[in-house]
C-alpha cells in the first residue's frame, strides 16, 4: 500500500496580540473548518504567533546600545539598538560582516540575528520594535499539546517552527524550535541498511523535516497561515524535545 502524508493549513486565525489564548484560538479555527485532530496528528505552529502571544516584543526606543553593540553596528551596518537586543539573546557572536550577524542563541541555535525579526509584526504609533523567539519553545510546545489533547481527546504532537538560513546553501527552510509529543531526532545508528550493513552515524532530524514541509504552506510573507496539521506519520521512538537537535559546541568543528 502506498504511503502518504497530508499537510493542511488552518485558515481563520486572527492577528495574535500579547496575552492571547493561542491554544483556544487554534482549537476554534480547527473546529470552524471541521478539522478534528486525531491521535498521531502533528500541529505545526509558526514561532511568530507564539512569540506574539507571549509578548516577546522589545521597543527599540527603550534600548541603550553598549559599546560592543555600537562597534558591531559600524561593522554590519545594522541599527545599534537592534544589535544590542541580539546580543541580549545570544551566548556568542560567531561571525559577522556587512549586513550579516551570526550568533549562538542562548538556547543553542546558531542563527542569524538570534532569530529576532521586524517583519510581519505591528509597529504601533510609528515606533520601531522587534520580536524575540519564545523564551522556552519546548515548554511552549508542551503547553499547547496539553490543550490540544484535552480539546480533541487525542494524543497529538506539536512543533514550533521558524525559518533558518543554512551554511553552504542559499535560502531559508523551516526548522523546529520547540517539539512535544514526537521524537525530534531519530537515532538510526546500528539499524541495518537495505543490504544488512549497520548504519554508523545516521540520525534523522524528523521534526525539522516536518517543519520544512509545513513552511511551504505557511509562506514567508502575507499568507496569514501560521498553523498546519500534519497527518500520516507514525513513530516507534520515544518523544524528544527540540533541544535534542542542537549540536553541542564541542562537536561543532566550525566553531
C-alpha atoms as a PDB file:
ATOM      1  CA  UNK A   1       0.000   0.000   0.000  1.00  0.00           C
ATOM      2  CA  UNK A   2       1.334   3.439  -0.917  1.00  0.00           C
ATOM      3  CA  UNK A   3       2.251   5.673   1.972  1.00  0.00           C
ATOM      4  CA  UNK A   4       1.052   9.262   2.192  1.00  0.00           C
ATOM      5  CA  UNK A   5       1.398  12.265   4.462  1.00  0.00           C
ATOM      6  CA  UNK A   6      -1.056  15.149   4.364  1.00  0.00           C
ATOM      7  CA  UNK A   7      -0.425  18.778   5.286  1.00  0.00           C
ATOM      8  CA  UNK A   8      -3.448  21.021   5.845  1.00  0.00           C
ATOM      9  CA  UNK A   9      -3.126  24.750   6.524  1.00  0.00           C
ATOM     10  CA  UNK A  10      -5.700  26.040   9.015  1.00  0.00           C
ATOM     11  CA  UNK A  11      -7.356  29.313   7.962  1.00  0.00           C
ATOM     12  CA  UNK A  12      -9.262  31.759  10.100  1.00  0.00           C
ATOM     13  CA  UNK A  13      -6.807  32.660  12.854  1.00  0.00           C
ATOM     14  CA  UNK A  14      -6.962  36.338  13.808  1.00  0.00           C
ATOM     15  CA  UNK A  15      -3.915  38.520  14.304  1.00  0.00           C
ATOM     16  CA  UNK A  16      -2.368  37.463  17.596  1.00  0.00           C
ATOM     17  CA  UNK A  17      -1.894  40.016  20.365  1.00  0.00           C
ATOM     18  CA  UNK A  18       0.080  39.720  23.603  1.00  0.00           C
ATOM     19  CA  UNK A  19      -1.737  37.620  26.165  1.00  0.00           C
ATOM     20  CA  UNK A  20      -3.933  35.890  23.582  1.00  0.00           C
ATOM     21  CA  UNK A  21      -5.074  32.368  24.409  1.00  0.00           C
ATOM     22  CA  UNK A  22      -3.414  30.900  21.339  1.00  0.00           C
ATOM     23  CA  UNK A  23      -4.432  27.316  22.088  1.00  0.00           C
ATOM     24  CA  UNK A  24      -8.112  28.297  22.279  1.00  0.00           C
ATOM     25  CA  UNK A  25      -7.870  30.296  19.050  1.00  0.00           C
ATOM     26  CA  UNK A  26      -6.308  27.351  17.219  1.00  0.00           C
ATOM     27  CA  UNK A  27      -8.940  24.948  18.566  1.00  0.00           C
ATOM     28  CA  UNK A  28     -11.716  27.323  17.470  1.00  0.00           C
ATOM     29  CA  UNK A  29     -10.180  27.644  13.989  1.00  0.00           C
ATOM     30  CA  UNK A  30      -9.879  23.878  13.652  1.00  0.00           C
ATOM     31  CA  UNK A  31     -13.477  23.313  14.701  1.00  0.00           C
ATOM     32  CA  UNK A  32     -14.722  26.068  12.390  1.00  0.00           C
ATOM     33  CA  UNK A  33     -13.133  24.155   9.498  1.00  0.00           C
ATOM     34  CA  UNK A  34     -14.460  20.829  10.861  1.00  0.00           C
ATOM     35  CA  UNK A  35     -10.899  19.601  11.317  1.00  0.00           C
ATOM     36  CA  UNK A  36     -10.893  17.043  14.122  1.00  0.00           C
ATOM     37  CA  UNK A  37      -7.462  16.219  15.496  1.00  0.00           C
ATOM     38  CA  UNK A  38      -6.805  12.515  15.996  1.00  0.00           C
ATOM     39  CA  UNK A  39      -4.001  10.702  17.798  1.00  0.00           C
ATOM     40  CA  UNK A  40      -0.802  10.848  15.767  1.00  0.00           C
ATOM     41  CA  UNK A  41      -1.578  14.208  14.175  1.00  0.00           C
ATOM     42  CA  UNK A  42       1.119  16.852  14.431  1.00  0.00           C
ATOM     43  CA  UNK A  43       0.207  20.529  14.755  1.00  0.00           C
ATOM     44  CA  UNK A  44       2.920  22.830  13.420  1.00  0.00           C
ATOM     45  CA  UNK A  45       2.682  26.391  14.742  1.00  0.00           C
ATOM     46  CA  UNK A  46       4.734  29.317  13.479  1.00  0.00           C
ATOM     47  CA  UNK A  47       7.158  30.749  16.010  1.00  0.00           C
ATOM     48  CA  UNK A  48       5.959  34.265  15.340  1.00  0.00           C
ATOM     49  CA  UNK A  49       2.445  33.727  16.725  1.00  0.00           C
ATOM     50  CA  UNK A  50       3.897  32.011  19.799  1.00  0.00           C
ATOM     51  CA  UNK A  51       6.198  34.977  20.423  1.00  0.00           C
ATOM     52  CA  UNK A  52       3.369  37.461  19.909  1.00  0.00           C
ATOM     53  CA  UNK A  53       1.084  35.662  22.364  1.00  0.00           C
ATOM     54  CA  UNK A  54       3.955  35.538  24.875  1.00  0.00           C
ATOM     55  CA  UNK A  55       4.597  39.275  24.374  1.00  0.00           C
ATOM     56  CA  UNK A  56       8.212  38.875  23.322  1.00  0.00           C
ATOM     57  CA  UNK A  57       8.285  42.390  21.882  1.00  0.00           C
ATOM     58  CA  UNK A  58      11.055  44.880  22.591  1.00  0.00           C
ATOM     59  CA  UNK A  59      10.619  48.575  21.801  1.00  0.00           C
ATOM     60  CA  UNK A  60      13.812  49.881  20.180  1.00  0.00           C
ATOM     61  CA  UNK A  61      13.290  53.358  21.634  1.00  0.00           C
ATOM     62  CA  UNK A  62      13.878  51.849  25.090  1.00  0.00           C
ATOM     63  CA  UNK A  63      17.166  50.143  24.161  1.00  0.00           C
ATOM     64  CA  UNK A  64      20.522  51.684  25.100  1.00  0.00           C
ATOM     65  CA  UNK A  65      23.298  50.195  22.933  1.00  0.00           C
ATOM     66  CA  UNK A  66      26.501  49.005  24.587  1.00  0.00           C
ATOM     67  CA  UNK A  67      29.951  49.715  23.215  1.00  0.00           C
ATOM     68  CA  UNK A  68      30.042  46.212  21.722  1.00  0.00           C
ATOM     69  CA  UNK A  69      26.702  46.818  20.011  1.00  0.00           C
ATOM     70  CA  UNK A  70      27.914  50.127  18.553  1.00  0.00           C
ATOM     71  CA  UNK A  71      31.094  48.500  17.264  1.00  0.00           C
ATOM     72  CA  UNK A  72      29.176  45.643  15.634  1.00  0.00           C
ATOM     73  CA  UNK A  73      26.687  48.144  14.198  1.00  0.00           C
ATOM     74  CA  UNK A  74      29.538  50.005  12.480  1.00  0.00           C
ATOM     75  CA  UNK A  75      30.848  46.753  11.018  1.00  0.00           C
ATOM     76  CA  UNK A  76      27.494  45.295   9.931  1.00  0.00           C
ATOM     77  CA  UNK A  77      25.569  48.437   9.028  1.00  0.00           C
ATOM     78  CA  UNK A  78      22.730  47.483  11.354  1.00  0.00           C
ATOM     79  CA  UNK A  79      20.917  49.616  13.940  1.00  0.00           C
ATOM     80  CA  UNK A  80      22.972  49.527  17.183  1.00  0.00           C
ATOM     81  CA  UNK A  81      19.763  49.222  19.214  1.00  0.00           C
ATOM     82  CA  UNK A  82      18.822  46.140  17.205  1.00  0.00           C
ATOM     83  CA  UNK A  83      22.318  44.721  17.710  1.00  0.00           C
ATOM     84  CA  UNK A  84      22.008  45.252  21.469  1.00  0.00           C
ATOM     85  CA  UNK A  85      18.804  43.204  21.550  1.00  0.00           C
ATOM     86  CA  UNK A  86      20.502  40.466  19.520  1.00  0.00           C
ATOM     87  CA  UNK A  87      23.393  40.415  21.991  1.00  0.00           C
ATOM     88  CA  UNK A  88      20.981  40.188  24.929  1.00  0.00           C
ATOM     89  CA  UNK A  89      19.596  36.936  23.456  1.00  0.00           C
ATOM     90  CA  UNK A  90      22.980  35.499  22.474  1.00  0.00           C
ATOM     91  CA  UNK A  91      25.712  33.484  24.147  1.00  0.00           C
ATOM     92  CA  UNK A  92      28.339  34.164  21.486  1.00  0.00           C
ATOM     93  CA  UNK A  93      28.935  36.150  18.301  1.00  0.00           C
ATOM     94  CA  UNK A  94      30.024  33.508  15.791  1.00  0.00           C
ATOM     95  CA  UNK A  95      30.579  35.519  12.608  1.00  0.00           C
ATOM     96  CA  UNK A  96      29.859  38.961  11.265  1.00  0.00           C
ATOM     97  CA  UNK A  97      30.407  41.059   8.197  1.00  0.00           C
ATOM     98  CA  UNK A  98      28.483  43.761   6.344  1.00  0.00           C
ATOM     99  CA  UNK A  99      24.737  43.056   6.680  1.00  0.00           C
ATOM    100  CA  UNK A 100      25.385  39.694   8.398  1.00  0.00           C
ATOM    101  CA  UNK A 101      25.459  38.788  12.094  1.00  0.00           C
ATOM    102  CA  UNK A 102      25.561  35.102  13.055  1.00  0.00           C
ATOM    103  CA  UNK A 103      25.261  34.285  16.755  1.00  0.00           C
ATOM    104  CA  UNK A 104      24.805  31.356  19.083  1.00  0.00           C
ATOM    105  CA  UNK A 105      21.408  31.950  20.650  1.00  0.00           C
ATOM    106  CA  UNK A 106      21.068  31.416  24.406  1.00  0.00           C
ATOM    107  CA  UNK A 107      19.079  28.233  23.574  1.00  0.00           C
ATOM    108  CA  UNK A 108      21.969  26.876  21.499  1.00  0.00           C
ATOM    109  CA  UNK A 109      20.729  27.614  17.991  1.00  0.00           C
ATOM    110  CA  UNK A 110      23.389  29.051  15.676  1.00  0.00           C
ATOM    111  CA  UNK A 111      21.457  31.516  13.565  1.00  0.00           C
ATOM    112  CA  UNK A 112      21.297  34.980  12.063  1.00  0.00           C
ATOM    113  CA  UNK A 113      20.385  37.840  14.419  1.00  0.00           C
ATOM    114  CA  UNK A 114      19.299  35.487  17.250  1.00  0.00           C
ATOM    115  CA  UNK A 115      16.064  34.930  15.327  1.00  0.00           C
ATOM    116  CA  UNK A 116      14.949  38.488  16.127  1.00  0.00           C
ATOM    117  CA  UNK A 117      12.630  39.869  13.492  1.00  0.00           C
ATOM    118  CA  UNK A 118      10.836  43.032  12.418  1.00  0.00           C
ATOM    119  CA  UNK A 119       8.739  41.617   9.561  1.00  0.00           C
ATOM    120  CA  UNK A 120       5.067  40.684   9.923  1.00  0.00           C
ATOM    121  CA  UNK A 121       4.699  42.474  13.241  1.00  0.00           C
ATOM    122  CA  UNK A 122       2.684  45.550  14.096  1.00  0.00           C
ATOM    123  CA  UNK A 123       4.653  48.766  14.724  1.00  0.00           C
ATOM    124  CA  UNK A 124       2.319  50.870  16.874  1.00  0.00           C
ATOM    125  CA  UNK A 125       2.388  54.679  16.530  1.00  0.00           C
ATOM    126  CA  UNK A 126       5.315  54.508  14.120  1.00  0.00           C
ATOM    127  CA  UNK A 127       7.648  53.233  16.853  1.00  0.00           C
ATOM    128  CA  UNK A 128      10.037  50.503  15.752  1.00  0.00           C
ATOM    129  CA  UNK A 129      10.016  47.288  17.703  1.00  0.00           C
ATOM    130  CA  UNK A 130      11.331  43.758  17.333  1.00  0.00           C
ATOM    131  CA  UNK A 131      10.063  40.308  18.216  1.00  0.00           C
ATOM    132  CA  UNK A 132      12.210  37.781  20.077  1.00  0.00           C
ATOM    133  CA  UNK A 133      11.994  33.996  19.971  1.00  0.00           C
ATOM    134  CA  UNK A 134       9.864  32.339  22.666  1.00  0.00           C
ATOM    135  CA  UNK A 135      11.644  32.114  25.994  1.00  0.00           C
ATOM    136  CA  UNK A 136      11.378  28.300  26.073  1.00  0.00           C
ATOM    137  CA  UNK A 137       9.966  26.858  22.811  1.00  0.00           C
ATOM    138  CA  UNK A 138       9.903  23.253  24.060  1.00  0.00           C
ATOM    139  CA  UNK A 139       7.836  24.344  27.058  1.00  0.00           C
ATOM    140  CA  UNK A 140       5.524  26.358  24.802  1.00  0.00           C
ATOM    141  CA  UNK A 141       5.038  23.314  22.565  1.00  0.00           C
ATOM    142  CA  UNK A 142       4.305  21.109  25.583  1.00  0.00           C
ATOM    143  CA  UNK A 143       1.703  23.571  26.881  1.00  0.00           C
ATOM    144  CA  UNK A 144      -0.074  23.615  23.507  1.00  0.00           C
ATOM    145  CA  UNK A 145      -0.048  19.814  23.377  1.00  0.00           C
ATOM    146  CA  UNK A 146      -1.831  19.595  26.723  1.00  0.00           C
ATOM    147  CA  UNK A 147      -4.585  21.908  25.473  1.00  0.00           C
ATOM    148  CA  UNK A 148      -4.975  20.208  22.071  1.00  0.00           C
ATOM    149  CA  UNK A 149      -5.041  16.732  23.621  1.00  0.00           C
ATOM    150  CA  UNK A 150      -7.785  17.813  26.015  1.00  0.00           C
ATOM    151  CA  UNK A 151      -9.864  19.579  23.361  1.00  0.00           C
ATOM    152  CA  UNK A 152      -9.911  16.610  20.974  1.00  0.00           C
ATOM    153  CA  UNK A 153      -9.418  13.643  23.350  1.00  0.00           C
ATOM    154  CA  UNK A 154      -6.329  12.717  21.349  1.00  0.00           C
ATOM    155  CA  UNK A 155      -2.571  12.311  21.697  1.00  0.00           C
ATOM    156  CA  UNK A 156      -1.033  14.766  19.233  1.00  0.00           C
ATOM    157  CA  UNK A 157       2.403  16.185  18.550  1.00  0.00           C
ATOM    158  CA  UNK A 158       3.285  19.874  18.403  1.00  0.00           C
ATOM    159  CA  UNK A 159       6.130  21.568  16.541  1.00  0.00           C
ATOM    160  CA  UNK A 160       7.006  25.253  16.757  1.00  0.00           C
ATOM    161  CA  UNK A 161       8.814  26.165  13.558  1.00  0.00           C
ATOM    162  CA  UNK A 162      10.874  29.072  12.302  1.00  0.00           C
ATOM    163  CA  UNK A 163      12.833  29.856   9.133  1.00  0.00           C
ATOM    164  CA  UNK A 164      16.586  29.339   9.230  1.00  0.00           C
ATOM    165  CA  UNK A 165      19.318  30.003   6.743  1.00  0.00           C
ATOM    166  CA  UNK A 166      21.864  27.200   6.318  1.00  0.00           C
ATOM    167  CA  UNK A 167      25.622  27.008   5.856  1.00  0.00           C
ATOM    168  CA  UNK A 168      26.657  26.218   2.286  1.00  0.00           C
ATOM    169  CA  UNK A 169      23.093  26.586   0.917  1.00  0.00           C
ATOM    170  CA  UNK A 170      21.110  29.569  -0.324  1.00  0.00           C
ATOM    171  CA  UNK A 171      17.632  30.248   1.002  1.00  0.00           C
ATOM    172  CA  UNK A 172      15.781  29.580   4.247  1.00  0.00           C
ATOM    173  CA  UNK A 173      13.907  26.465   5.343  1.00  0.00           C
ATOM    174  CA  UNK A 174      11.592  25.692   8.225  1.00  0.00           C
ATOM    175  CA  UNK A 175      13.174  24.119  11.295  1.00  0.00           C
ATOM    176  CA  UNK A 176      11.809  23.019  14.663  1.00  0.00           C
ATOM    177  CA  UNK A 177      12.435  25.336  17.616  1.00  0.00           C
ATOM    178  CA  UNK A 178      10.096  23.532  20.000  1.00  0.00           C
ATOM    179  CA  UNK A 179       8.750  19.975  19.988  1.00  0.00           C
ATOM    180  CA  UNK A 180       6.342  17.974  22.143  1.00  0.00           C
ATOM    181  CA  UNK A 181       4.768  14.560  21.660  1.00  0.00           C
ATOM    182  CA  UNK A 182       7.094  13.169  18.974  1.00  0.00           C
ATOM    183  CA  UNK A 183      10.787  12.353  18.540  1.00  0.00           C
ATOM    184  CA  UNK A 184      12.554  15.433  17.221  1.00  0.00           C
ATOM    185  CA  UNK A 185      15.598  13.306  16.350  1.00  0.00           C
ATOM    186  CA  UNK A 186      15.652   9.644  15.324  1.00  0.00           C
ATOM    187  CA  UNK A 187      18.823   7.696  16.079  1.00  0.00           C
ATOM    188  CA  UNK A 188      19.368   5.128  13.318  1.00  0.00           C
ATOM    189  CA  UNK A 189      22.874   4.111  14.410  1.00  0.00           C
ATOM    190  CA  UNK A 190      23.121   0.326  14.369  1.00  0.00           C
ATOM    191  CA  UNK A 191      19.983  -0.156  12.271  1.00  0.00           C
ATOM    192  CA  UNK A 192      20.570  -2.278   9.135  1.00  0.00           C
ATOM    193  CA  UNK A 193      20.556  -0.636   5.734  1.00  0.00           C
ATOM    194  CA  UNK A 194      18.986  -2.212   2.627  1.00  0.00           C
ATOM    195  CA  UNK A 195      21.832  -4.732   2.430  1.00  0.00           C
ATOM    196  CA  UNK A 196      22.057  -5.516   6.145  1.00  0.00           C
ATOM    197  CA  UNK A 197      25.021  -3.274   6.884  1.00  0.00           C
ATOM    198  CA  UNK A 198      24.655  -1.455  10.243  1.00  0.00           C
ATOM    199  CA  UNK A 199      24.451   2.293   9.859  1.00  0.00           C
ATOM    200  CA  UNK A 200      27.286   4.081  11.636  1.00  0.00           C
ATOM    201  CA  UNK A 201      26.338   7.756  12.050  1.00  0.00           C
ATOM    202  CA  UNK A 202      22.818   8.298  10.724  1.00  0.00           C
ATOM    203  CA  UNK A 203      20.452  10.459  12.735  1.00  0.00           C
ATOM    204  CA  UNK A 204      17.301  11.905  11.179  1.00  0.00           C
ATOM    205  CA  UNK A 205      16.089  15.375  12.153  1.00  0.00           C
ATOM    206  CA  UNK A 206      12.437  14.344  11.875  1.00  0.00           C
ATOM    207  CA  UNK A 207      10.984  17.492  13.412  1.00  0.00           C
ATOM    208  CA  UNK A 208      12.984  19.716  11.047  1.00  0.00           C
ATOM    209  CA  UNK A 209      11.767  17.760   8.032  1.00  0.00           C
ATOM    210  CA  UNK A 210       8.147  18.116   9.168  1.00  0.00           C
ATOM    211  CA  UNK A 211       8.660  21.820   9.914  1.00  0.00           C
ATOM    212  CA  UNK A 212      10.128  22.428   6.463  1.00  0.00           C
ATOM    213  CA  UNK A 213       7.093  20.860   4.797  1.00  0.00           C
ATOM    214  CA  UNK A 214       4.721  22.982   6.868  1.00  0.00           C
ATOM    215  CA  UNK A 215       6.624  26.132   5.908  1.00  0.00           C
ATOM    216  CA  UNK A 216       5.665  25.591   2.270  1.00  0.00           C
ATOM    217  CA  UNK A 217       2.033  26.180   3.262  1.00  0.00           C
ATOM    218  CA  UNK A 218       2.697  28.875   5.860  1.00  0.00           C
ATOM    219  CA  UNK A 219       4.746  31.008   3.474  1.00  0.00           C
ATOM    220  CA  UNK A 220       7.143  33.799   4.404  1.00  0.00           C
ATOM    221  CA  UNK A 221       5.146  36.978   3.750  1.00  0.00           C
ATOM    222  CA  UNK A 222       1.457  37.899   3.966  1.00  0.00           C
ATOM    223  CA  UNK A 223      -0.103  34.443   3.697  1.00  0.00           C
ATOM    224  CA  UNK A 224      -1.503  34.516   7.250  1.00  0.00           C
ATOM    225  CA  UNK A 225      -1.477  30.727   7.740  1.00  0.00           C
ATOM    226  CA  UNK A 226       0.550  30.097  10.901  1.00  0.00           C
ATOM    227  CA  UNK A 227      -0.892  26.662  11.752  1.00  0.00           C
ATOM    228  CA  UNK A 228      -0.602  23.444   9.739  1.00  0.00           C
ATOM    229  CA  UNK A 229      -1.903  19.971  10.646  1.00  0.00           C
ATOM    230  CA  UNK A 230       0.208  17.003   9.519  1.00  0.00           C
ATOM    231  CA  UNK A 231      -1.319  13.525   9.337  1.00  0.00           C
ATOM    232  CA  UNK A 232       0.033  10.121   8.353  1.00  0.00           C
ATOM    233  CA  UNK A 233       3.280   9.830  10.307  1.00  0.00           C
ATOM    234  CA  UNK A 234       3.943   7.198  12.969  1.00  0.00           C
ATOM    235  CA  UNK A 235       6.980   6.746  15.199  1.00  0.00           C
ATOM    236  CA  UNK A 236       8.216   3.874  17.337  1.00  0.00           C
ATOM    237  CA  UNK A 237      10.755   6.044  19.166  1.00  0.00           C
ATOM    238  CA  UNK A 238      10.142   7.991  22.375  1.00  0.00           C
ATOM    239  CA  UNK A 239       9.310  11.679  22.263  1.00  0.00           C
ATOM    240  CA  UNK A 240      12.287  14.057  22.373  1.00  0.00           C
ATOM    241  CA  UNK A 241      12.230  17.874  22.592  1.00  0.00           C
ATOM    242  CA  UNK A 242      13.763  20.208  20.018  1.00  0.00           C
ATOM    243  CA  UNK A 243      16.747  20.759  22.297  1.00  0.00           C
ATOM    244  CA  UNK A 244      17.957  17.327  21.140  1.00  0.00           C
ATOM    245  CA  UNK A 245      18.542  18.853  17.695  1.00  0.00           C
ATOM    246  CA  UNK A 246      21.138  21.333  18.949  1.00  0.00           C
ATOM    247  CA  UNK A 247      24.667  20.134  18.236  1.00  0.00           C
ATOM    248  CA  UNK A 248      26.876  20.550  21.327  1.00  0.00           C
ATOM    249  CA  UNK A 249      29.621  23.094  20.872  1.00  0.00           C
ATOM    250  CA  UNK A 250      32.336  20.501  21.442  1.00  0.00           C
ATOM    251  CA  UNK A 251      31.028  18.599  18.393  1.00  0.00           C
ATOM    252  CA  UNK A 252      30.808  21.696  16.213  1.00  0.00           C
ATOM    253  CA  UNK A 253      34.036  21.620  14.185  1.00  0.00           C
ATOM    254  CA  UNK A 254      33.252  25.006  12.597  1.00  0.00           C
ATOM    255  CA  UNK A 255      33.409  26.970  15.862  1.00  0.00           C
END
